[in-house]
Each structure stands twice: as C-alpha cells, then as structure tokens.
C-alpha cells in the first residue's frame, strides 16, 4: 500500500505534463485549422505569397524581437510565486515594458514596410495588438506555472477556440487579411489571461522591493534573450542579402509545420512546481525519460507527414522539406534544453527569494553567456552560407538558414544537460534516450519509405496511425518507462470513460 502511494506521488508532476500535453492534442485540430486557414487564405489573395510572407515576417519580427522581453521575468516570477511572494508589481512592470516595445515597433514600421516591400500601414500597426496582449499573458502564465500548471493546458484550449472563431469572422465577414490575424491572436491571448485571473489564487500585491528583486535576478536570463534576438536576425539578413521574400516564405512554412514538435514542451509544465517541493534528481530524470518517449514519437510523426502538410499549405512549399526536417530536429533539442534549463533555474541559489543576488555566482548566468557565444557563431555560419549561395534556389537558401539555429540547439542542450547533471548529481538516462532515439529513427525511415507518397488527408491519417502503432509497440516492448506510462495512460482513459 505504501509503495503504491509513493508511485502516485512520483507520477503527479508527470500526470500534469501528460494532462497539458493531452489538451494540446485535443486542441491540435483547431490549431492546425487556424494555421492552415491563415496560410491558405493569405497565400491565395492577389499577391498572396507576398502577403503571407509579410505576415510571417511580421510575426517572426514581433516574436523574435519585440516580445522577447516579455519572458525576461518569467522564470524568476514562477519561482517567487511558488514561495508566495507578492508578484503584482512585476505584472505592471511587464506591461510597461510591452508599451515601450510597442513604441519602438511603431518607430521602425516605415523601415519594415520598405524592407519587406508591402506597404499597408494598418497591417503593420496591427502588430501592436499582439505585442501588448502577449506581455500581459506571459507574466500571468509564469505565475500560473508556479502555482497551478494544469490551468496552462486548459487555457490553451480556450486560446485555440477563441483565435479560430475570431479569424473566421474577420476573414469571411469583414474581409480583412493581416489585421484579422493580429486581432485573432490578441483576443486569444486576452482570453487566456482572463482564465488565469479568475482561477488562480496568487499574491498579486504590489511590493516595490520584491519587484526590484525579481527584476535584478532576471538579469541572468536577459543574456538568453539576446541569443534569441541574434537568431531572429537570420530572417532579416537573408531578406537584405537576397531581396527575395519567397525564401523567407519557404523558411517560415517549414517552421509552421515543425512547430507541432513544440507541443510536447507542455510535458514538463509541472517541473517547476515539483522542484519547488523537492530538488530531487529523480524528478528531472523522470521528465527527461517522459520527454524522450513522447517527443521522439511526435518528431517521427511530424517528419513522416511533413511533405503532405507542406503540400497542403501550398504545393511549392514541398521544396522546403529538408529545411523542415532540420528545424524539427532543432525544435526537439530546444525542448530538451528548456527542460534542463528550468531545472537549473530552480536549483540556482543565486535566484532564490531568500538569497542576496550575485550574478557571478549564478549558474544560469554562466550557462546563458556560453550559449550566446555559440549563437553568434551559429548565426555567422548561416549568414556566410546564405551570402555565398545567394543566387541559389529558395529551397537551398532556406535550408542554409537553419544551420546556425541547429548548431545553437545542439550546444545549448549539451551545456544545459552538463550543468544540470552536476547540480542535481543526477544520472542521464542514457538507456532510455538511446532506446527512444532508435525507435524514432526506425519509425521515421519506415514511414518515409512506405507512407509519404500520397498526400490525401485519408492516406495521411492512415500513415499516422501505422507510424503510431509501430512506435508505441516497439516502445512498449523495449522501454520499461514507456510501458509504465502507457499502462497509466490507459488506466486514466478508462476512468474518464467510466465516469
């Protein structure tokens, strides 16, 4: 009986991760419909490829530059909210930061229009809606992650539904294009924020001293955002070198499909809350095992279906298949890196609410500094290659753009894993990693060879089911952890069906 209680306690944070991942799966059709609808609708307007490339360039610019500061305070805020410190002041500070970012965006808008070659002031200014609402959302998400991570999954479903309904109305009733997408994102973000506000009980008192303390300790994470800014410049430098928005459209179409891999990041939503209770190496090890089982499975399915999904976005985008594969693998590695990174933040004494801040003693700061150096190297490699081959096809150029990002992903994962292993005295579950990796490779090769030549939705569904059967069967036979998760999952599904 006691053993069963211990197992239930161990599975709780994993259950949170699986629950949130499950909500992503449930809302996946809605997300796909929205993504496909936006790409298809914008691409098929007059000058559609330019309009779609403009929206994607705007979105990359906004998410790659102007909303990056939105998460500067997030990890430290999550840690402070768990410790019941007053975090209302940091919410106001984040909103002020968003207003400053929006102002800079407005000032740069004329330059952006001339660079992209699409002159629609209202379309570009609509990005302000996305920026401001995103800043509010990210800090409320950080608070929620520390207190009730399950709500992140529930609010995600509400976001997907709200975003799709709004864009449908604005596309087909009001005949808007880029403005419709911006409004859909903004209203969706506000819907999520309202969910957090109504259901999460947190200490939202405004305390100036605590706000300053969070801001100071968040300096350790600013370096990591400089790295992301560097990576985002690849798109704009490529535009400047080639003067070809089609290359960017290929690159962004590959990103759209590969983003399916990032759904598995929700698997470790419960990590911060659990590590606030116990700084246990076993907790991190279990999340690593879980991530490799589920994310490697998803990576296989995404690559198998990749050509078909690109085809349905626009037939020409199939030429970006290699770009798509590289970005998908990079996204997989980024997720693993984030898992280790969050674990490092939670054990870094320099970031605790009871500790005096000293950036020189922060493991997080050292990790971010190292990653930024490699970001410079990676971006430099991509830029040089794009410049050398600037007269080549958009497909080749888009694949060259991914090399720098992938170099960074590999280094980030290795360095964060090394520091995490040292701080927690944990054992990297090599056997589980190798098992899941080989099963993923085998499933992917079988799927590409036999099931990726027909792009009808029915055939793609059948190939996904066959690929899933292969991966799950091999994992059940080969991996004790996967077998345990599958059994637990079936038990939970049975409970739900019997209610």
Protein backbone atom coordinates (compact mmCIF):
# COMPACT_ATOMS: atom_id res chain seq x y z
CA UNK A 1 0.00 0.00 0.00
CA UNK A 2 2.84 2.36 0.95
CA UNK A 3 4.63 1.57 -2.31
CA UNK A 4 1.50 2.48 -4.27
CA UNK A 5 1.32 5.87 -2.51
CA UNK A 6 4.95 6.56 -3.37
CA UNK A 7 4.29 5.73 -7.02
CA UNK A 8 1.24 8.02 -7.09
CA UNK A 9 3.30 10.86 -5.63
CA UNK A 10 6.03 10.31 -8.20
CA UNK A 11 3.61 10.30 -11.10
CA UNK A 12 1.80 13.52 -10.09
CA UNK A 13 4.05 16.03 -11.92
CA UNK A 14 4.25 13.66 -14.86
CA UNK A 15 0.46 13.45 -14.82
CA UNK A 16 0.30 17.27 -15.03
CA UNK A 17 2.60 17.17 -18.04
CA UNK A 18 0.58 14.45 -19.74
CA UNK A 19 -2.66 16.30 -18.97
CA UNK A 20 -1.39 19.53 -20.53
CA UNK A 21 0.03 17.61 -23.47
CA UNK A 22 -3.32 15.88 -23.83
CA UNK A 23 -5.07 19.24 -24.05
CA UNK A 24 -2.64 20.21 -26.80
CA UNK A 25 -3.58 17.06 -28.69
CA UNK A 26 -7.29 17.68 -28.18
CA UNK A 27 -6.93 21.24 -29.47
CA UNK A 28 -4.48 20.23 -32.22
CA UNK A 29 -7.12 20.04 -34.96
CA UNK A 30 -8.22 23.58 -34.05
CA UNK A 31 -4.64 24.82 -34.13
CA UNK A 32 -3.97 23.12 -37.45
CA UNK A 33 -7.16 24.52 -38.98
CA UNK A 34 -6.17 28.03 -37.87
CA UNK A 35 -2.60 27.69 -39.18
CA UNK A 36 -3.73 26.17 -42.45
CA UNK A 37 -6.53 28.72 -42.84
CA UNK A 38 -4.18 31.68 -42.36
CA UNK A 39 -1.54 30.30 -44.72
CA UNK A 40 -4.09 29.25 -47.34
CA UNK A 41 -6.25 32.39 -47.15
CA UNK A 42 -3.37 34.87 -47.25
CA UNK A 43 -1.37 32.93 -49.86
CA UNK A 44 -4.31 32.81 -52.26
CA UNK A 45 -5.13 36.50 -52.21
CA UNK A 46 -3.88 38.71 -55.01
CA UNK A 47 -0.11 38.95 -54.37
CA UNK A 48 -0.76 36.19 -51.86
CA UNK A 49 2.78 34.91 -51.45
CA UNK A 50 3.98 38.43 -50.62
CA UNK A 51 1.12 38.99 -48.17
CA UNK A 52 1.73 35.64 -46.45
CA UNK A 53 5.48 36.30 -46.35
CA UNK A 54 4.73 39.74 -44.89
CA UNK A 55 2.60 38.31 -42.09
CA UNK A 56 5.18 35.64 -41.33
CA UNK A 57 7.99 38.21 -41.37
CA UNK A 58 5.96 40.45 -39.06
CA UNK A 59 5.21 37.56 -36.72
CA UNK A 60 8.84 36.44 -36.63
CA UNK A 61 9.91 40.03 -36.02
CA UNK A 62 7.38 40.52 -33.23
CA UNK A 63 8.07 37.18 -31.53
CA UNK A 64 11.78 37.28 -32.28
CA UNK A 65 12.43 40.83 -31.10
CA UNK A 66 9.62 42.88 -29.62
CA UNK A 67 8.03 40.24 -27.38
CA UNK A 68 11.26 38.64 -26.21
CA UNK A 69 11.46 40.89 -23.11
CA UNK A 70 8.00 39.58 -22.16
CA UNK A 71 9.64 36.45 -20.74
CA UNK A 72 12.65 38.09 -19.11
CA UNK A 73 10.96 37.99 -15.70
CA UNK A 74 9.03 34.74 -16.22
CA UNK A 75 11.22 32.06 -14.66
CA UNK A 76 12.15 34.09 -11.58
CA UNK A 77 8.49 35.15 -11.22
CA UNK A 78 7.43 31.48 -11.31
CA UNK A 79 9.89 30.71 -8.54
CA UNK A 80 8.77 33.69 -6.42
CA UNK A 81 5.06 32.92 -6.91
CA UNK A 82 5.64 29.39 -5.59
CA UNK A 83 7.21 30.97 -2.49
CA UNK A 84 4.07 33.17 -2.09
CA UNK A 85 5.95 36.41 -2.62
CA UNK A 86 3.95 39.44 -3.89
CA UNK A 87 4.30 39.47 -7.69
CA UNK A 88 1.72 42.10 -8.70
CA UNK A 89 4.40 44.72 -9.29
CA UNK A 90 6.18 42.61 -11.88
CA UNK A 91 2.92 42.32 -13.84
CA UNK A 92 2.76 46.12 -14.08
CA UNK A 93 6.45 46.29 -14.97
CA UNK A 94 5.94 43.77 -17.77
CA UNK A 95 3.05 45.83 -19.16
CA UNK A 96 5.23 48.96 -19.16
CA UNK A 97 7.95 47.01 -20.96
CA UNK A 98 5.37 45.96 -23.54
CA UNK A 99 4.35 49.58 -24.10
CA UNK A 100 7.98 50.54 -24.70
CA UNK A 101 8.43 47.65 -27.15
CA UNK A 102 5.28 48.74 -28.99
CA UNK A 103 6.58 52.30 -29.30
CA UNK A 104 9.86 51.09 -30.78
CA UNK A 105 7.90 48.89 -33.19
CA UNK A 106 5.86 51.91 -34.36
CA UNK A 107 9.02 53.95 -34.97
CA UNK A 108 10.55 51.15 -37.06
CA UNK A 109 7.40 50.37 -39.06
CA UNK A 110 8.26 52.56 -42.12
CA UNK A 111 11.62 50.81 -42.42
CA UNK A 112 10.00 47.39 -42.09
CA UNK A 113 7.50 48.16 -44.85
CA UNK A 114 10.23 49.27 -47.24
CA UNK A 115 12.37 46.22 -46.41
CA UNK A 116 9.57 43.73 -46.99
CA UNK A 117 8.09 45.61 -49.93
CA UNK A 118 4.48 45.55 -48.74
CA UNK A 119 3.04 48.99 -47.95
CA UNK A 120 -0.01 48.66 -45.73
CA UNK A 121 0.24 50.80 -42.60
CA UNK A 122 -2.78 49.28 -40.84
CA UNK A 123 -1.45 45.76 -41.36
CA UNK A 124 1.89 46.58 -39.77
CA UNK A 125 0.46 48.65 -36.91
CA UNK A 126 -1.84 45.77 -36.01
CA UNK A 127 1.25 44.08 -34.60
CA UNK A 128 0.92 46.37 -31.56
CA UNK A 129 -2.15 44.36 -30.51
CA UNK A 130 -0.11 41.15 -30.49
CA UNK A 131 2.76 42.75 -28.58
CA UNK A 132 0.76 44.28 -25.71
CA UNK A 133 -1.53 41.31 -25.10
CA UNK A 134 1.40 38.90 -25.24
CA UNK A 135 3.27 40.78 -22.49
CA UNK A 136 0.31 40.51 -20.13
CA UNK A 137 -0.19 36.84 -20.99
CA UNK A 138 3.40 35.75 -20.41
CA UNK A 139 3.70 37.09 -16.89
CA UNK A 140 0.33 35.63 -15.85
CA UNK A 141 1.41 32.31 -17.38
CA UNK A 142 4.60 32.44 -15.30
CA UNK A 143 2.58 32.91 -12.12
CA UNK A 144 0.27 30.06 -13.10
CA UNK A 145 3.16 27.71 -13.87
CA UNK A 146 4.40 28.08 -10.32
CA UNK A 147 1.01 27.63 -8.64
CA UNK A 148 -1.33 25.56 -10.82
CA UNK A 149 0.36 24.32 -14.01
CA UNK A 150 -2.71 22.32 -15.10
CA UNK A 151 -4.51 25.59 -15.87
CA UNK A 152 -1.98 26.24 -18.63
CA UNK A 153 -3.38 23.31 -20.59
CA UNK A 154 -7.00 24.34 -20.06
CA UNK A 155 -6.38 27.96 -21.04
CA UNK A 156 -4.54 26.77 -24.14
CA UNK A 157 -7.72 25.13 -25.43
CA UNK A 158 -9.65 28.35 -24.82
CA UNK A 159 -6.99 30.29 -26.73
CA UNK A 160 -7.23 27.98 -29.75
CA UNK A 161 -11.02 28.19 -29.90
CA UNK A 162 -11.10 31.98 -29.46
CA UNK A 163 -8.40 32.57 -32.05
CA UNK A 164 -10.08 30.41 -34.70
CA UNK A 165 -13.57 31.86 -34.22
CA UNK A 166 -12.28 35.44 -34.42
CA UNK A 167 -10.17 34.90 -37.54
CA UNK A 168 -13.05 33.15 -39.34
CA UNK A 169 -15.36 36.09 -38.70
CA UNK A 170 -12.76 38.68 -39.67
CA UNK A 171 -11.69 36.82 -42.83
CA UNK A 172 -15.06 35.90 -44.28
CA UNK A 173 -17.41 38.54 -42.85
CA UNK A 174 -15.21 41.63 -42.68
CA UNK A 175 -12.81 40.58 -45.48
CA UNK A 176 -9.69 41.55 -43.50
CA UNK A 177 -6.28 39.92 -44.01
CA UNK A 178 -3.24 40.58 -41.81
CA UNK A 179 -5.25 42.74 -39.39
CA UNK A 180 -7.60 39.79 -38.87
CA UNK A 181 -4.75 37.52 -37.79
CA UNK A 182 -3.34 40.10 -35.37
CA UNK A 183 -6.76 40.63 -33.78
CA UNK A 184 -7.29 36.87 -33.51
CA UNK A 185 -4.02 36.46 -31.61
CA UNK A 186 -4.71 39.45 -29.36
CA UNK A 187 -8.21 38.34 -28.36
CA UNK A 188 -6.96 34.77 -27.86
CA UNK A 189 -4.19 35.99 -25.54
CA UNK A 190 -6.70 38.07 -23.55
CA UNK A 191 -8.98 35.03 -23.20
CA UNK A 192 -6.10 33.04 -21.69
CA UNK A 193 -5.22 35.87 -19.33
CA UNK A 194 -8.82 36.08 -18.09
CA UNK A 195 -8.80 32.34 -17.35
CA UNK A 196 -5.66 32.72 -15.25
CA UNK A 197 -7.06 35.78 -13.45
CA UNK A 198 -10.32 34.06 -12.50
CA UNK A 199 -8.98 30.69 -11.35
CA UNK A 200 -5.51 31.27 -9.93
CA UNK A 201 -5.16 32.47 -6.35
CA UNK A 202 -1.81 34.21 -6.11
CA UNK A 203 -0.24 37.04 -4.17
CA UNK A 204 -0.76 39.92 -6.60
CA UNK A 205 0.06 42.66 -4.12
CA UNK A 206 2.37 45.34 -5.49
CA UNK A 207 5.57 45.38 -3.46
CA UNK A 208 8.29 47.64 -4.83
CA UNK A 209 11.12 45.83 -3.04
CA UNK A 210 10.06 42.42 -4.38
CA UNK A 211 9.58 43.82 -7.89
CA UNK A 212 13.10 45.25 -7.89
CA UNK A 213 14.45 41.95 -6.54
CA UNK A 214 12.77 39.94 -9.32
CA UNK A 215 13.99 42.41 -11.94
CA UNK A 216 17.58 42.24 -10.67
CA UNK A 217 17.64 38.45 -10.55
CA UNK A 218 16.11 38.28 -14.01
CA UNK A 219 19.26 39.91 -15.38
CA UNK A 220 20.64 36.38 -15.57
CA UNK A 221 18.05 35.48 -18.22
CA UNK A 222 18.46 38.63 -20.34
CA UNK A 223 21.54 37.11 -21.96
CA UNK A 224 19.47 34.18 -23.23
CA UNK A 225 17.08 36.59 -24.95
CA UNK A 226 19.99 38.30 -26.67
CA UNK A 227 20.76 34.89 -28.12
CA UNK A 228 17.22 34.53 -29.48
CA UNK A 229 17.40 38.03 -30.96
CA UNK A 230 20.60 37.07 -32.75
CA UNK A 231 18.90 34.00 -34.22
CA UNK A 232 15.89 36.01 -35.37
CA UNK A 233 18.19 38.31 -37.36
CA UNK A 234 18.81 35.44 -39.79
CA UNK A 235 15.46 36.16 -41.47
CA UNK A 236 16.14 39.86 -41.90
CA UNK A 237 19.73 39.45 -43.01
CA UNK A 238 18.59 36.88 -45.58
CA UNK A 239 15.98 39.34 -46.86
CA UNK A 240 18.63 42.05 -47.13
CA UNK A 241 21.08 39.75 -48.97
CA UNK A 242 18.65 38.09 -51.39
CA UNK A 243 15.82 40.66 -51.69
CA UNK A 244 13.61 37.58 -52.00
CA UNK A 245 10.56 37.15 -49.74
CA UNK A 246 9.92 33.70 -51.28
CA UNK A 247 12.96 32.27 -49.48
CA UNK A 248 11.54 33.55 -46.20
CA UNK A 249 8.13 32.05 -47.09
CA UNK A 250 9.78 28.63 -47.57
CA UNK A 251 11.62 29.01 -44.27
CA UNK A 252 8.52 30.10 -42.37
CA UNK A 253 6.30 27.41 -43.90
CA UNK A 254 8.77 24.83 -42.60
CA UNK A 255 8.63 26.46 -39.16
CA UNK A 256 4.81 26.38 -39.14
CA UNK A 257 4.73 22.60 -39.57
CA UNK A 258 7.74 21.87 -37.36
CA UNK A 259 6.07 23.81 -34.53
CA UNK A 260 3.95 20.71 -33.95
CA UNK A 261 7.02 19.29 -32.19
CA UNK A 262 6.91 22.17 -29.70
CA UNK A 263 3.55 20.94 -28.42
CA UNK A 264 5.49 18.40 -26.38
CA UNK A 265 7.11 21.21 -24.37
CA UNK A 266 3.96 21.10 -22.23
CA UNK A 267 5.15 17.72 -20.91
CA UNK A 268 7.30 19.46 -18.31
CA UNK A 269 4.79 22.14 -17.26
CA UNK A 270 4.73 20.54 -13.81
CA UNK A 271 8.52 20.59 -13.39
CA UNK A 272 8.83 23.98 -11.67
CA UNK A 273 6.01 23.28 -9.20
CA UNK A 274 7.50 19.88 -8.31
CA UNK A 275 11.07 21.16 -7.93
CA UNK A 276 9.75 23.83 -5.56
CA UNK A 277 8.80 20.93 -3.26
CA UNK A 278 11.95 18.87 -3.65
CA UNK A 279 15.20 19.37 -5.55
CA UNK A 280 15.27 15.69 -6.47
CA UNK A 281 17.41 14.28 -9.28
CA UNK A 282 14.76 11.60 -9.81
CA UNK A 283 12.20 14.27 -10.74
CA UNK A 284 14.41 15.63 -13.51
CA UNK A 285 15.35 12.13 -14.71
CA UNK A 286 11.68 11.11 -15.00
CA UNK A 287 10.85 14.22 -17.01
CA UNK A 288 13.78 13.54 -19.35
CA UNK A 289 12.52 9.99 -19.90
CA UNK A 290 9.00 11.24 -20.49
CA UNK A 291 10.18 13.88 -22.95
CA UNK A 292 12.19 11.41 -24.99
CA UNK A 293 9.38 8.89 -25.19
CA UNK A 294 6.65 11.33 -26.23
CA UNK A 295 8.61 13.98 -28.11
CA UNK A 296 10.62 11.45 -30.13
CA UNK A 297 7.30 9.84 -31.06
CA UNK A 298 5.90 13.18 -32.19
CA UNK A 299 9.07 14.03 -34.09
CA UNK A 300 8.69 10.82 -36.09
CA UNK A 301 5.06 11.50 -36.97
CA UNK A 302 5.74 15.11 -37.96
CA UNK A 303 8.57 14.14 -40.31
CA UNK A 304 6.53 11.30 -41.85
CA UNK A 305 3.64 13.68 -42.54
CA UNK A 306 5.88 16.65 -43.35
CA UNK A 307 5.75 16.58 -47.14
CA UNK A 308 1.98 16.21 -47.13
CA UNK A 309 1.47 19.04 -44.65
CA UNK A 310 3.74 21.34 -46.65
CA UNK A 311 1.85 20.39 -49.80
CA UNK A 312 -1.47 21.35 -48.26
CA UNK A 313 -0.08 24.72 -47.18
CA UNK A 314 1.00 25.36 -50.77
CA UNK A 315 2.39 22.78 -53.24
CA UNK A 316 5.58 24.82 -53.82
CA UNK A 317 6.45 24.58 -50.12
CA UNK A 318 7.24 20.88 -50.53
CA UNK A 319 10.64 22.06 -51.72
CA UNK A 320 11.29 23.15 -48.13
CA UNK A 321 11.15 19.55 -46.85
CA UNK A 322 14.86 19.39 -45.92
CA UNK A 323 14.53 22.76 -44.18
CA UNK A 324 11.55 21.38 -42.31
CA UNK A 325 13.42 18.25 -41.13
CA UNK A 326 16.36 20.28 -39.81
CA UNK A 327 14.10 22.74 -37.97
CA UNK A 328 12.04 19.89 -36.49
CA UNK A 329 15.15 18.24 -35.04
CA UNK A 330 16.32 21.61 -33.76
CA UNK A 331 12.94 22.18 -32.07
CA UNK A 332 13.18 18.77 -30.41
CA UNK A 333 16.59 19.69 -28.98
CA UNK A 334 15.33 23.11 -27.85
CA UNK A 335 12.61 21.45 -25.83
CA UNK A 336 15.12 19.19 -24.09
CA UNK A 337 17.35 22.19 -23.42
CA UNK A 338 14.45 24.11 -21.85
CA UNK A 339 13.72 21.19 -19.55
CA UNK A 340 17.30 21.18 -18.24
CA UNK A 341 17.36 24.98 -18.15
CA UNK A 342 14.26 25.22 -15.95
CA UNK A 343 15.76 22.64 -13.61
CA UNK A 344 18.96 24.72 -13.34
CA UNK A 345 16.95 27.89 -12.58
CA UNK A 346 15.07 26.13 -9.78
CA UNK A 347 18.24 24.96 -8.02
CA UNK A 348 20.31 28.09 -8.67
CA UNK A 349 20.74 29.58 -5.17
CA UNK A 350 21.54 32.99 -6.62
CA UNK A 351 17.94 33.25 -7.91
CA UNK A 352 16.16 32.24 -4.69
CA UNK A 353 13.98 34.79 -2.87
CA UNK A 354 15.99 34.35 0.33
CA UNK A 355 19.40 34.83 -1.26
CA UNK A 356 21.32 38.02 -1.95
CA UNK A 357 21.73 38.40 -5.72
CA UNK A 358 25.23 37.88 -7.10
CA UNK A 359 25.37 37.32 -10.86
CA UNK A 360 28.92 35.95 -10.60
CA UNK A 361 27.62 33.02 -8.53
CA UNK A 362 24.69 32.27 -10.83
CA UNK A 363 24.94 29.04 -12.82
CA UNK A 364 22.09 30.29 -15.00
CA UNK A 365 24.06 33.39 -15.99
CA UNK A 366 27.13 31.33 -16.89
CA UNK A 367 25.01 28.98 -18.99
CA UNK A 368 23.38 31.84 -20.88
CA UNK A 369 26.70 33.56 -21.56
CA UNK A 370 28.11 30.36 -23.07
CA UNK A 371 25.01 29.85 -25.23
CA UNK A 372 25.14 33.42 -26.54
CA UNK A 373 28.71 32.96 -27.76
CA UNK A 374 27.62 29.92 -29.77
CA UNK A 375 24.60 31.85 -31.06
CA UNK A 376 26.97 34.39 -32.59
CA UNK A 377 28.97 31.58 -34.20
CA UNK A 378 25.84 29.81 -35.48
CA UNK A 379 24.26 32.93 -36.95
CA UNK A 380 27.57 33.83 -38.55
CA UNK A 381 27.75 30.43 -40.25
CA UNK A 382 24.24 30.77 -41.69
CA UNK A 383 24.79 34.34 -42.89
CA UNK A 384 28.06 33.45 -44.62
CA UNK A 385 26.49 30.44 -46.35
CA UNK A 386 23.45 32.46 -47.48
CA UNK A 387 25.74 35.16 -48.87
CA UNK A 388 27.92 32.65 -50.74
CA UNK A 389 24.90 30.90 -52.29
CA UNK A 390 22.63 33.95 -52.60
CA UNK A 391 21.84 33.20 -56.24
CA UNK A 392 20.63 29.69 -55.44
CA UNK A 393 17.07 28.37 -55.16
CA UNK A 394 14.82 29.41 -52.24
CA UNK A 395 14.78 25.77 -51.09
CA UNK A 396 18.58 25.66 -50.69
CA UNK A 397 18.78 29.10 -49.09
CA UNK A 398 16.05 28.28 -46.58
CA UNK A 399 17.91 25.12 -45.55
CA UNK A 400 21.13 27.12 -45.09
CA UNK A 401 19.23 29.49 -42.79
CA UNK A 402 18.52 26.61 -40.41
CA UNK A 403 22.14 25.55 -39.89
CA UNK A 404 23.00 28.31 -37.43
CA UNK A 405 19.90 27.68 -35.33
CA UNK A 406 20.62 23.95 -35.22
CA UNK A 407 24.25 24.50 -34.18
CA UNK A 408 22.95 26.60 -31.29
CA UNK A 409 20.36 23.98 -30.33
CA UNK A 410 22.97 21.23 -30.10
CA UNK A 411 25.30 23.32 -27.95
CA UNK A 412 22.52 24.62 -25.68
CA UNK A 413 21.28 21.10 -24.99
CA UNK A 414 24.73 19.73 -24.22
CA UNK A 415 25.73 22.62 -21.95
CA UNK A 416 22.45 22.75 -20.00
CA UNK A 417 22.45 18.96 -19.55
CA UNK A 418 26.01 19.06 -18.25
CA UNK A 419 25.30 21.75 -15.66
CA UNK A 420 22.01 20.14 -14.61
CA UNK A 421 23.73 16.78 -14.17
CA UNK A 422 26.35 18.39 -11.95
CA UNK A 423 23.97 20.43 -9.76
CA UNK A 424 21.49 17.60 -9.15
CA UNK A 425 24.07 14.79 -9.09
CA UNK A 426 21.71 13.05 -11.48
CA UNK A 427 22.24 10.22 -13.89
CA UNK A 428 21.40 10.93 -17.50
CA UNK A 429 19.03 8.08 -18.51
CA UNK A 430 21.20 7.02 -21.45
CA UNK A 431 19.45 3.68 -21.99
CA UNK A 432 16.01 5.32 -22.27
CA UNK A 433 17.39 8.05 -24.54
CA UNK A 434 19.10 5.61 -26.89
CA UNK A 435 16.04 3.33 -27.00
CA UNK A 436 13.61 6.14 -27.86
CA UNK A 437 16.04 7.61 -30.40
CA UNK A 438 16.50 4.36 -32.31
CA UNK A 439 12.77 3.62 -32.29
CA UNK A 440 12.12 7.14 -33.60
CA UNK A 441 14.68 6.77 -36.41
CA UNK A 442 13.32 3.36 -37.41
CA UNK A 443 9.70 4.56 -37.40
CA UNK A 444 10.61 7.66 -39.43
CA UNK A 445 12.53 5.70 -42.08
CA UNK A 446 9.72 3.17 -42.48
CA UNK A 447 7.16 5.95 -42.70
CA UNK A 448 9.07 7.98 -45.29
CA UNK A 449 9.81 4.93 -47.46
CA UNK A 450 6.31 3.49 -47.50
CA UNK A 451 3.77 6.10 -46.41
CA UNK A 452 4.79 9.59 -47.62
CA UNK A 453 3.97 9.46 -51.33
CA UNK A 454 0.23 10.16 -51.16
CA UNK A 455 -0.98 13.49 -49.81
CA UNK A 456 -4.70 12.85 -49.43
CA UNK A 457 -5.92 13.52 -45.89
CA UNK A 458 -7.25 9.98 -45.54
CA UNK A 459 -3.94 8.42 -46.59
CA UNK A 460 -2.05 10.75 -44.24
CA UNK A 461 -4.33 9.71 -41.39
CA UNK A 462 -3.71 6.03 -42.14
CA UNK A 463 0.06 6.56 -42.31
CA UNK A 464 -0.04 8.41 -38.97
CA UNK A 465 -1.94 5.53 -37.36
CA UNK A 466 0.51 2.97 -38.75
CA UNK A 467 3.50 5.04 -37.65
CA UNK A 468 1.97 5.46 -34.20
CA UNK A 469 1.38 1.72 -33.92
CA UNK A 470 4.99 0.96 -34.82
CA UNK A 471 6.45 3.45 -32.33
CA UNK A 472 4.12 2.59 -29.45
CA UNK A 473 4.52 -1.17 -29.93
CA UNK A 474 8.32 -1.01 -30.03
CA UNK A 475 8.40 1.36 -27.05
CA UNK A 476 6.10 -0.89 -25.03
CA UNK A 477 8.33 -3.88 -25.66
CA UNK A 478 11.70 -2.11 -25.31
CA UNK A 479 11.25 0.59 -22.64
CA UNK A 480 10.06 -0.12 -19.07
CA UNK A 481 9.33 3.58 -18.53
CA UNK A 482 7.30 3.83 -21.74
CA UNK A 483 5.42 0.67 -20.77
CA UNK A 484 4.62 2.19 -17.36
CA UNK A 485 3.38 5.46 -18.93
CA UNK A 486 1.24 3.61 -21.49
CA UNK A 487 -0.38 1.48 -18.78
CA UNK A 488 -1.02 4.51 -16.59
CA UNK A 489 -2.46 6.38 -19.56
CA UNK A 490 -4.88 3.54 -20.33
CA UNK A 491 -5.97 3.48 -16.68
CA UNK A 492 -6.69 7.23 -16.72
CA UNK A 493 -8.60 6.98 -20.01
CA UNK A 494 -10.65 4.12 -18.58
CA UNK A 495 -11.50 6.22 -15.51
CA UNK A 496 -12.65 9.11 -17.70
CA UNK A 497 -14.81 6.85 -19.89
CA UNK A 498 -16.43 5.21 -16.87
CA UNK A 499 -17.40 8.50 -15.23
